Amino acid sequence: MASKFGSFFSECVGELRKVVWPSREDVIASVKVVVISTFVLAILLGLLDAGFTAAFRAIMK
């Protein structure tokens, strides 16, 4: 059992050494895209919600 764990751990370390990690600039650019996309989508959904709320209130009167 202990040898299997040791083997698993050493294989994990070996695989992590093969990973090509993104540069700081790549990470910052990706974060900017995610934040801007989130704000745009939130605004869009808020406008849709307000529109549907107004439409349902107009129908219910």
N, C-alpha and C. Protein backbone atom coordinates (compact mmCIF):
# COMPACT_ATOMS: atom_id res chain seq x y z
N MET A 1 0.83 -1.20 0.00
CA MET A 1 0.00 0.00 0.00
C MET A 1 0.87 1.26 0.00
N ALA A 2 1.89 1.26 0.86
CA ALA A 2 2.77 2.43 0.95
C ALA A 2 3.56 2.62 -0.33
N SER A 3 3.94 1.52 -1.00
CA SER A 3 4.71 1.65 -2.24
C SER A 3 3.82 2.19 -3.35
N LYS A 4 2.54 1.83 -3.34
CA LYS A 4 1.61 2.35 -4.35
C LYS A 4 1.43 3.86 -4.17
N PHE A 5 1.33 4.28 -2.91
CA PHE A 5 1.19 5.71 -2.65
C PHE A 5 2.44 6.46 -3.07
N GLY A 6 3.59 5.94 -2.77
CA GLY A 6 4.85 6.56 -3.15
C GLY A 6 4.99 6.63 -4.67
N SER A 7 4.60 5.55 -5.34
CA SER A 7 4.65 5.53 -6.80
C SER A 7 3.69 6.56 -7.38
N PHE A 8 2.48 6.62 -6.84
CA PHE A 8 1.49 7.59 -7.31
C PHE A 8 2.00 9.02 -7.13
N PHE A 9 2.58 9.28 -5.96
CA PHE A 9 3.09 10.62 -5.67
C PHE A 9 4.22 11.00 -6.61
N SER A 10 5.15 10.09 -6.84
CA SER A 10 6.27 10.41 -7.73
C SER A 10 5.80 10.58 -9.17
N GLU A 11 4.79 9.82 -9.59
CA GLU A 11 4.23 10.00 -10.93
C GLU A 11 3.54 11.35 -11.06
N CYS A 12 2.84 11.77 -10.01
CA CYS A 12 2.19 13.08 -10.03
C CYS A 12 3.21 14.20 -10.15
N VAL A 13 4.29 14.09 -9.40
CA VAL A 13 5.35 15.10 -9.47
C VAL A 13 5.95 15.12 -10.87
N GLY A 14 6.17 13.94 -11.44
CA GLY A 14 6.72 13.85 -12.79
C GLY A 14 5.81 14.50 -13.83
N GLU A 15 4.50 14.29 -13.70
CA GLU A 15 3.55 14.89 -14.64
C GLU A 15 3.49 16.40 -14.47
N LEU A 16 3.55 16.87 -13.23
CA LEU A 16 3.51 18.32 -12.99
C LEU A 16 4.74 19.02 -13.53
N ARG A 17 5.86 18.31 -13.63
CA ARG A 17 7.06 18.93 -14.21
C ARG A 17 6.93 19.12 -15.72
N LYS A 18 6.03 18.35 -16.35
CA LYS A 18 5.81 18.45 -17.79
C LYS A 18 4.87 19.60 -18.16
N VAL A 19 4.14 20.10 -17.18
CA VAL A 19 3.14 21.13 -17.44
C VAL A 19 3.82 22.43 -17.88
N VAL A 20 3.26 23.03 -18.92
CA VAL A 20 3.74 24.34 -19.36
C VAL A 20 2.81 25.38 -18.72
N TRP A 21 3.29 26.05 -17.71
CA TRP A 21 2.48 27.00 -16.98
C TRP A 21 2.37 28.31 -17.76
N PRO A 22 1.22 28.97 -17.72
CA PRO A 22 1.07 30.24 -18.45
C PRO A 22 1.91 31.34 -17.80
N SER A 23 2.26 32.31 -18.62
CA SER A 23 3.04 33.43 -18.09
C SER A 23 2.11 34.35 -17.29
N ARG A 24 2.72 35.24 -16.55
CA ARG A 24 1.94 36.19 -15.74
C ARG A 24 1.04 37.04 -16.64
N GLU A 25 1.57 37.45 -17.80
CA GLU A 25 0.79 38.28 -18.72
C GLU A 25 -0.41 37.51 -19.28
N ASP A 26 -0.22 36.22 -19.57
CA ASP A 26 -1.33 35.39 -20.06
C ASP A 26 -2.44 35.26 -19.01
N VAL A 27 -2.03 35.07 -17.78
CA VAL A 27 -3.02 34.94 -16.69
C VAL A 27 -3.77 36.25 -16.51
N ILE A 28 -3.08 37.37 -16.53
CA ILE A 28 -3.72 38.67 -16.37
C ILE A 28 -4.70 38.93 -17.51
N ALA A 29 -4.30 38.61 -18.74
CA ALA A 29 -5.18 38.80 -19.89
C ALA A 29 -6.42 37.92 -19.76
N SER A 30 -6.26 36.69 -19.33
CA SER A 30 -7.40 35.79 -19.16
C SER A 30 -8.35 36.28 -18.07
N VAL A 31 -7.79 36.77 -16.99
CA VAL A 31 -8.62 37.29 -15.90
C VAL A 31 -9.42 38.51 -16.38
N LYS A 32 -8.79 39.38 -17.16
CA LYS A 32 -9.50 40.54 -17.69
C LYS A 32 -10.67 40.11 -18.56
N VAL A 33 -10.46 39.12 -19.42
CA VAL A 33 -11.53 38.63 -20.28
C VAL A 33 -12.68 38.08 -19.44
N VAL A 34 -12.37 37.32 -18.42
CA VAL A 34 -13.41 36.72 -17.58
C VAL A 34 -14.19 37.80 -16.82
N VAL A 35 -13.49 38.77 -16.25
CA VAL A 35 -14.15 39.82 -15.48
C VAL A 35 -15.05 40.67 -16.38
N ILE A 36 -14.54 41.08 -17.54
CA ILE A 36 -15.33 41.89 -18.45
C ILE A 36 -16.53 41.11 -18.96
N SER A 37 -16.33 39.84 -19.32
CA SER A 37 -17.44 39.00 -19.79
C SER A 37 -18.51 38.85 -18.71
N THR A 38 -18.07 38.68 -17.48
CA THR A 38 -19.02 38.53 -16.37
C THR A 38 -19.86 39.79 -16.19
N PHE A 39 -19.22 40.96 -16.24
CA PHE A 39 -19.97 42.21 -16.10
C PHE A 39 -20.93 42.42 -17.25
N VAL A 40 -20.50 42.15 -18.47
CA VAL A 40 -21.38 42.32 -19.63
C VAL A 40 -22.58 41.38 -19.53
N LEU A 41 -22.34 40.14 -19.17
CA LEU A 41 -23.43 39.18 -19.04
C LEU A 41 -24.37 39.56 -17.90
N ALA A 42 -23.83 40.06 -16.80
CA ALA A 42 -24.67 40.48 -15.67
C ALA A 42 -25.56 41.65 -16.08
N ILE A 43 -25.00 42.60 -16.81
CA ILE A 43 -25.81 43.74 -17.27
C ILE A 43 -26.90 43.27 -18.23
N LEU A 44 -26.53 42.39 -19.15
CA LEU A 44 -27.50 41.87 -20.11
C LEU A 44 -28.63 41.13 -19.41
N LEU A 45 -28.29 40.27 -18.48
CA LEU A 45 -29.32 39.53 -17.74
C LEU A 45 -30.17 40.45 -16.88
N GLY A 46 -29.56 41.48 -16.31
CA GLY A 46 -30.33 42.46 -15.53
C GLY A 46 -31.33 43.20 -16.40
N LEU A 47 -30.92 43.58 -17.60
CA LEU A 47 -31.84 44.25 -18.52
C LEU A 47 -32.97 43.32 -18.95
N LEU A 48 -32.65 42.07 -19.24
CA LEU A 48 -33.69 41.10 -19.60
C LEU A 48 -34.67 40.91 -18.45
N ASP A 49 -34.16 40.81 -17.24
CA ASP A 49 -35.01 40.64 -16.07
C ASP A 49 -35.94 41.84 -15.90
N ALA A 50 -35.38 43.03 -16.04
CA ALA A 50 -36.21 44.23 -15.91
C ALA A 50 -37.27 44.28 -17.00
N GLY A 51 -36.90 43.89 -18.21
CA GLY A 51 -37.87 43.87 -19.31
C GLY A 51 -39.00 42.87 -19.07
N PHE A 52 -38.64 41.66 -18.67
CA PHE A 52 -39.66 40.66 -18.39
C PHE A 52 -40.54 41.07 -17.22
N THR A 53 -39.96 41.66 -16.19
CA THR A 53 -40.74 42.12 -15.04
C THR A 53 -41.74 43.18 -15.47
N ALA A 54 -41.29 44.13 -16.28
CA ALA A 54 -42.19 45.18 -16.76
C ALA A 54 -43.29 44.59 -17.63
N ALA A 55 -42.94 43.64 -18.48
CA ALA A 55 -43.94 43.02 -19.36
C ALA A 55 -44.99 42.25 -18.55
N PHE A 56 -44.56 41.48 -17.57
CA PHE A 56 -45.51 40.72 -16.76
C PHE A 56 -46.40 41.63 -15.93
N ARG A 57 -45.83 42.73 -15.41
CA ARG A 57 -46.66 43.67 -14.65
C ARG A 57 -47.69 44.33 -15.54
N ALA A 58 -47.31 44.63 -16.78
CA ALA A 58 -48.26 45.24 -17.73
C ALA A 58 -49.37 44.25 -18.08
N ILE A 59 -49.03 42.99 -18.21
CA ILE A 59 -50.03 41.98 -18.55
C ILE A 59 -50.97 41.74 -17.38
N MET A 60 -50.48 41.76 -16.17
CA MET A 60 -51.29 41.44 -14.98
C MET A 60 -52.21 42.57 -14.59
N LYS A 61 -52.01 43.77 -15.09
CA LYS A 61 -52.90 44.88 -14.70
C LYS A 61 -54.23 44.80 -15.34
